[in-house]
Each structure stands twice: as structure tokens, then as C-alpha cells.
Amino acid sequence: MGIFAMLGLASAADIKEGMKAPAFEAQDQNGITVRLADYQGKANVVLYFYPKDDTPGCTAQACSLRDGFAAIKAAGAVILGVSADTTQSHRAFAEKFHLPFSILADPDKRIIEAYGVKMPLVGFAKRVTFLIDRQGLVRKVITDTRTKDHDQQVLALLKGMS
């Protein structure tokens, strides 16, 4: 391990379009275990990482995905949010803003590190969204997230995946 990786200044992974998405398993805000493998062959996955529950940008992004939930589901995808917050924090966040999708707790940052989205030094997740197809391949990586209309960003790209 290089000095940059030890200091948290280098990504643990560099996930690119066309690569196999790293497998994961985590509990959502309702204590349900969710695995990426659960969706293989069944649905595309919108896997979005965000820094912290109930903060302005993260709330705008979650509410945008909430508002576009029906259209994203109709496009054949499920939404999974991930941050380093606990299941209890996620539960309060999801209840407060009526979020209809799973938010996965990653307090040990295993998923965050596997996808290479850990912020240097602070350890929060960067705001990055991965669109994963039914075969488990990363089809799109969104790094220029528009929090207030993220649902529209996602929908436009999902339409191109059909």
C-alpha cells in the first residue's frame, strides 16, 4: 500500500464503465439485508453515494430521486442510496422525507471503499452515482451530480441503457 492510500488520498478502486460492479451486502434503514446480487437478471440498479443524511445537498438529491421514483421504477431500475451513516440515522432521514427506496448503512465504509468514492481524510462518501445493468456491469458513472434534478439525470441515462 502506497503512502497516498494510507493517508486516504488515493481511491481504493477506480470503477469505470464496462467493469463488473463490486458485490456488496448491507442493511437498509428498515434492517433488511440488501445485496447487489439480489437484482442480477431482474433490474438495473441506481447506486448513489452521498456524504451525510439530512444535509442540504444530500436532502435535495434524495428528494429528487423520491420525486422521480415512479419513473425510474418504470424504466426498470431500483434506487439504492449509500452513506457511512447508521441504519438509525437512515431510518430518521427516510421517514422525515418519505423516501420510498433503500438507503444502505456503510459505517465501516466497505462499500464506499470498494467503489472508490471515499473522501480523503474525512472518510465520507463522495457524491457519485453508478448505473449498474442487469448483468452487474457498470454502465454509467455520474460524478457531476445535479442534486435538485438528479432524477432527470438518471432517467436520461437509463433510457440509453434499454
C-alpha atoms as a PDB file:
ATOM      1  CA  MET A   1       0.000   0.000   0.000  1.00  0.00           C
ATOM      2  CA  GLY A   2       1.375   3.387  -1.012  1.00  0.00           C
ATOM      3  CA  ILE A   3       1.701   6.373   1.269  1.00  0.00           C
ATOM      4  CA  PHE A   4      -1.187   8.149  -0.513  1.00  0.00           C
ATOM      5  CA  ALA A   5      -3.533   5.214   0.073  1.00  0.00           C
ATOM      6  CA  MET A   6      -2.536   5.043   3.743  1.00  0.00           C
ATOM      7  CA  LEU A   7      -3.364   8.747   4.132  1.00  0.00           C
ATOM      8  CA  GLY A   8      -6.695   8.295   2.381  1.00  0.00           C
ATOM      9  CA  LEU A   9      -5.578  10.423  -0.583  1.00  0.00           C
ATOM     10  CA  ALA A  10      -5.991   7.717  -3.219  1.00  0.00           C
ATOM     11  CA  SER A  11      -9.074   5.783  -4.245  1.00  0.00           C
ATOM     12  CA  ALA A  12      -9.241   2.155  -3.211  1.00  0.00           C
ATOM     13  CA  ALA A  13     -10.782   1.401  -6.594  1.00  0.00           C
ATOM     14  CA  ASP A  14     -11.231   3.138  -9.907  1.00  0.00           C
ATOM     15  CA  ILE A  15     -14.558   1.889 -11.190  1.00  0.00           C
ATOM     16  CA  LYS A  16     -15.037   2.540 -14.883  1.00  0.00           C
ATOM     17  CA  GLU A  17     -17.916   1.985 -17.266  1.00  0.00           C
ATOM     18  CA  GLY A  18     -17.967  -1.591 -18.553  1.00  0.00           C
ATOM     19  CA  MET A  19     -16.404  -3.062 -15.389  1.00  0.00           C
ATOM     20  CA  LYS A  20     -18.132  -5.601 -13.170  1.00  0.00           C
ATOM     21  CA  ALA A  21     -19.674  -3.750 -10.230  1.00  0.00           C
ATOM     22  CA  PRO A  22     -18.191  -4.745  -6.866  1.00  0.00           C
ATOM     23  CA  ALA A  23     -20.527  -7.035  -4.931  1.00  0.00           C
ATOM     24  CA  PHE A  24     -21.896  -5.727  -1.656  1.00  0.00           C
ATOM     25  CA  GLU A  25     -24.257  -6.544   1.179  1.00  0.00           C
ATOM     26  CA  ALA A  26     -25.586  -4.094   3.756  1.00  0.00           C
ATOM     27  CA  GLN A  27     -28.610  -3.323   5.894  1.00  0.00           C
ATOM     28  CA  ASP A  28     -31.055  -0.641   4.846  1.00  0.00           C
ATOM     29  CA  GLN A  29     -32.988   1.770   7.045  1.00  0.00           C
ATOM     30  CA  ASN A  30     -35.515  -0.976   7.868  1.00  0.00           C
ATOM     31  CA  GLY A  31     -32.896  -3.540   8.916  1.00  0.00           C
ATOM     32  CA  ILE A  32     -33.347  -5.527   5.681  1.00  0.00           C
ATOM     33  CA  THR A  33     -30.193  -7.026   4.184  1.00  0.00           C
ATOM     34  CA  VAL A  34     -29.731  -5.857   0.604  1.00  0.00           C
ATOM     35  CA  ARG A  35     -27.246  -7.405  -1.827  1.00  0.00           C
ATOM     36  CA  LEU A  36     -26.317  -6.261  -5.314  1.00  0.00           C
ATOM     37  CA  ALA A  37     -26.774  -9.900  -6.387  1.00  0.00           C
ATOM     38  CA  ASP A  38     -30.480  -9.642  -5.442  1.00  0.00           C
ATOM     39  CA  TYR A  39     -31.059  -7.596  -8.599  1.00  0.00           C
ATOM     40  CA  GLN A  40     -28.954  -9.526 -11.101  1.00  0.00           C
ATOM     41  CA  GLY A  41     -31.099 -10.504 -14.079  1.00  0.00           C
ATOM     42  CA  LYS A  42     -34.063  -8.587 -12.599  1.00  0.00           C
ATOM     43  CA  ALA A  43     -33.429  -4.833 -12.566  1.00  0.00           C
ATOM     44  CA  ASN A  44     -30.916  -2.123 -13.298  1.00  0.00           C
ATOM     45  CA  VAL A  45     -29.526  -0.536 -10.142  1.00  0.00           C
ATOM     46  CA  VAL A  46     -29.103   3.171  -9.467  1.00  0.00           C
ATOM     47  CA  LEU A  47     -26.437   3.060  -6.753  1.00  0.00           C
ATOM     48  CA  TYR A  48     -25.887   6.539  -5.408  1.00  0.00           C
ATOM     49  CA  PHE A  49     -23.355   7.544  -2.796  1.00  0.00           C
ATOM     50  CA  TYR A  50     -23.756  10.707  -0.739  1.00  0.00           C
ATOM     51  CA  PRO A  51     -21.884  12.264   2.204  1.00  0.00           C
ATOM     52  CA  LYS A  52     -24.383  12.655   5.066  1.00  0.00           C
ATOM     53  CA  ASP A  53     -28.055  12.234   5.950  1.00  0.00           C
ATOM     54  CA  ASP A  54     -30.207  15.339   6.406  1.00  0.00           C
ATOM     55  CA  THR A  55     -27.765  17.884   4.993  1.00  0.00           C
ATOM     56  CA  PRO A  56     -28.893  20.364   2.303  1.00  0.00           C
ATOM     57  CA  GLY A  57     -27.300  18.810  -0.799  1.00  0.00           C
ATOM     58  CA  CYS A  58     -27.965  15.238   0.287  1.00  0.00           C
ATOM     59  CA  THR A  59     -31.588  16.057   1.089  1.00  0.00           C
ATOM     60  CA  ALA A  60     -32.106  17.763  -2.292  1.00  0.00           C
ATOM     61  CA  GLN A  61     -30.640  14.733  -4.064  1.00  0.00           C
ATOM     62  CA  ALA A  62     -32.713  12.201  -2.093  1.00  0.00           C
ATOM     63  CA  CYS A  63     -35.910  14.199  -2.600  1.00  0.00           C
ATOM     64  CA  SER A  64     -35.226  14.484  -6.326  1.00  0.00           C
ATOM     65  CA  LEU A  65     -34.861  10.694  -6.533  1.00  0.00           C
ATOM     66  CA  ARG A  66     -38.002  10.331  -4.415  1.00  0.00           C
ATOM     67  CA  ASP A  67     -39.935  12.579  -6.787  1.00  0.00           C
ATOM     68  CA  GLY A  68     -38.676  10.613  -9.801  1.00  0.00           C
ATOM     69  CA  PHE A  69     -39.056   7.223  -8.115  1.00  0.00           C
ATOM     70  CA  ALA A  70     -42.088   6.061 -10.151  1.00  0.00           C
ATOM     71  CA  ALA A  71     -40.478   6.984 -13.478  1.00  0.00           C
ATOM     72  CA  ILE A  72     -37.158   5.353 -12.515  1.00  0.00           C
ATOM     73  CA  LYS A  73     -39.005   2.201 -11.430  1.00  0.00           C
ATOM     74  CA  ALA A  74     -40.997   2.236 -14.694  1.00  0.00           C
ATOM     75  CA  ALA A  75     -37.649   2.414 -16.525  1.00  0.00           C
ATOM     76  CA  GLY A  76     -36.732  -0.933 -14.908  1.00  0.00           C
ATOM     77  CA  ALA A  77     -34.434   0.264 -12.140  1.00  0.00           C
ATOM     78  CA  VAL A  78     -34.219   0.243  -8.372  1.00  0.00           C
ATOM     79  CA  ILE A  79     -32.604   3.004  -6.318  1.00  0.00           C
ATOM     80  CA  LEU A  80     -30.116   2.249  -3.547  1.00  0.00           C
ATOM     81  CA  GLY A  81     -28.522   5.070  -1.570  1.00  0.00           C
ATOM     82  CA  VAL A  82     -25.303   4.575   0.421  1.00  0.00           C
ATOM     83  CA  SER A  83     -23.570   6.660   3.064  1.00  0.00           C
ATOM     84  CA  ALA A  84     -21.494   5.965   6.149  1.00  0.00           C
ATOM     85  CA  ASP A  85     -24.430   6.874   8.418  1.00  0.00           C
ATOM     86  CA  THR A  86     -26.093   4.241  10.630  1.00  0.00           C
ATOM     87  CA  THR A  87     -29.361   2.430   9.971  1.00  0.00           C
ATOM     88  CA  GLN A  88     -30.965   4.570  12.704  1.00  0.00           C
ATOM     89  CA  SER A  89     -29.854   7.793  11.005  1.00  0.00           C
ATOM     90  CA  HIS A  90     -31.080   6.444   7.649  1.00  0.00           C
ATOM     91  CA  ARG A  91     -34.442   5.493   9.180  1.00  0.00           C
ATOM     92  CA  ALA A  92     -34.985   9.020  10.521  1.00  0.00           C
ATOM     93  CA  PHE A  93     -33.877  10.559   7.206  1.00  0.00           C
ATOM     94  CA  ALA A  94     -36.132   8.265   5.138  1.00  0.00           C
ATOM     95  CA  GLU A  95     -39.137   8.871   7.416  1.00  0.00           C
ATOM     96  CA  LYS A  96     -38.658  12.654   7.517  1.00  0.00           C
ATOM     97  CA  PHE A  97     -38.538  12.941   3.715  1.00  0.00           C
ATOM     98  CA  HIS A  98     -40.778   9.954   2.807  1.00  0.00           C
ATOM     99  CA  LEU A  99     -38.076   8.168   0.824  1.00  0.00           C
ATOM    100  CA  PRO A 100     -39.511   5.068  -0.913  1.00  0.00           C
ATOM    101  CA  PHE A 101     -36.169   3.362  -1.628  1.00  0.00           C
ATOM    102  CA  SER A 102     -33.488   1.600   0.395  1.00  0.00           C
ATOM    103  CA  ILE A 103     -30.657   3.567   1.969  1.00  0.00           C
ATOM    104  CA  LEU A 104     -27.778   1.312   2.925  1.00  0.00           C
ATOM    105  CA  ALA A 105     -25.733   1.839   6.065  1.00  0.00           C
ATOM    106  CA  ASP A 106     -21.980   1.584   5.484  1.00  0.00           C
ATOM    107  CA  PRO A 107     -20.416   2.750   8.774  1.00  0.00           C
ATOM    108  CA  ASP A 108     -17.321   0.585   8.211  1.00  0.00           C
ATOM    109  CA  LYS A 109     -17.031   2.128   4.703  1.00  0.00           C
ATOM    110  CA  ARG A 110     -16.567  -1.216   2.923  1.00  0.00           C
ATOM    111  CA  ILE A 111     -18.895  -0.337   0.048  1.00  0.00           C
ATOM    112  CA  ILE A 112     -17.639   3.246  -0.108  1.00  0.00           C
ATOM    113  CA  GLU A 113     -14.052   1.988  -0.413  1.00  0.00           C
ATOM    114  CA  ALA A 114     -14.927  -0.803  -2.881  1.00  0.00           C
ATOM    115  CA  TYR A 115     -16.409   1.809  -5.230  1.00  0.00           C
ATOM    116  CA  GLY A 116     -13.522   4.241  -4.700  1.00  0.00           C
ATOM    117  CA  VAL A 117     -15.707   7.117  -3.504  1.00  0.00           C
ATOM    118  CA  LYS A 118     -14.221   7.781  -0.059  1.00  0.00           C
ATOM    119  CA  MET A 119     -13.366  11.443   0.517  1.00  0.00           C
ATOM    120  CA  PRO A 120      -9.773  11.948   1.587  1.00  0.00           C
ATOM    121  CA  LEU A 121      -9.204  12.396   5.320  1.00  0.00           C
ATOM    122  CA  VAL A 122     -12.867  12.849   6.368  1.00  0.00           C
ATOM    123  CA  GLY A 123     -13.983   9.403   5.180  1.00  0.00           C
ATOM    124  CA  PHE A 124     -17.450  10.432   3.948  1.00  0.00           C
ATOM    125  CA  ALA A 125     -18.646   9.198   0.580  1.00  0.00           C
ATOM    126  CA  LYS A 126     -18.248  11.468  -2.420  1.00  0.00           C
ATOM    127  CA  ARG A 127     -21.420  12.282  -4.333  1.00  0.00           C
ATOM    128  CA  VAL A 128     -21.183   9.711  -7.154  1.00  0.00           C
ATOM    129  CA  THR A 129     -23.883   7.611  -8.830  1.00  0.00           C
ATOM    130  CA  PHE A 130     -23.309   4.301 -10.608  1.00  0.00           C
ATOM    131  CA  LEU A 131     -25.846   2.846 -13.041  1.00  0.00           C
ATOM    132  CA  ILE A 132     -25.461  -0.919 -12.984  1.00  0.00           C
ATOM    133  CA  ASP A 133     -27.187  -3.111 -15.550  1.00  0.00           C
ATOM    134  CA  ARG A 134     -28.990  -6.415 -15.013  1.00  0.00           C
ATOM    135  CA  GLN A 135     -25.764  -8.321 -15.695  1.00  0.00           C
ATOM    136  CA  GLY A 136     -23.939  -6.469 -12.911  1.00  0.00           C
ATOM    137  CA  LEU A 137     -21.851  -4.247 -15.195  1.00  0.00           C
ATOM    138  CA  VAL A 138     -21.314  -0.551 -14.519  1.00  0.00           C
ATOM    139  CA  ARG A 139     -22.862   1.222 -17.493  1.00  0.00           C
ATOM    140  CA  LYS A 140     -22.608   4.855 -16.365  1.00  0.00           C
ATOM    141  CA  VAL A 141     -20.773   6.801 -13.651  1.00  0.00           C
ATOM    142  CA  ILE A 142     -22.208  10.201 -12.735  1.00  0.00           C
ATOM    143  CA  THR A 143     -19.694  12.448 -10.999  1.00  0.00           C
ATOM    144  CA  ASP A 144     -21.278  15.786 -11.933  1.00  0.00           C
ATOM    145  CA  THR A 145     -24.398  15.243  -9.840  1.00  0.00           C
ATOM    146  CA  ARG A 146     -27.077  17.896 -10.040  1.00  0.00           C
ATOM    147  CA  THR A 147     -28.726  17.403  -6.654  1.00  0.00           C
ATOM    148  CA  LYS A 148     -32.003  19.196  -7.396  1.00  0.00           C
ATOM    149  CA  ASP A 149     -32.736  17.229 -10.577  1.00  0.00           C
ATOM    150  CA  HIS A 150     -30.706  14.083 -10.147  1.00  0.00           C
ATOM    151  CA  ASP A 151     -33.761  12.014 -11.051  1.00  0.00           C
ATOM    152  CA  GLN A 152     -33.736  13.604 -14.531  1.00  0.00           C
ATOM    153  CA  GLN A 153     -30.009  12.916 -14.932  1.00  0.00           C
ATOM    154  CA  VAL A 154     -30.585   9.272 -14.004  1.00  0.00           C
ATOM    155  CA  LEU A 155     -33.673   8.858 -16.198  1.00  0.00           C
ATOM    156  CA  ALA A 156     -31.939  10.237 -19.279  1.00  0.00           C
ATOM    157  CA  LEU A 157     -29.100   7.735 -18.846  1.00  0.00           C
ATOM    158  CA  LEU A 158     -31.402   4.817 -18.009  1.00  0.00           C
ATOM    159  CA  LYS A 159     -33.271   5.380 -21.274  1.00  0.00           C
ATOM    160  CA  GLY A 160     -29.977   4.941 -23.106  1.00  0.00           C
ATOM    161  CA  MET A 161     -29.408   1.603 -21.343  1.00  0.00           C
ATOM    162  CA  SER A 162     -32.612  -0.078 -22.578  1.00  0.00           C
END
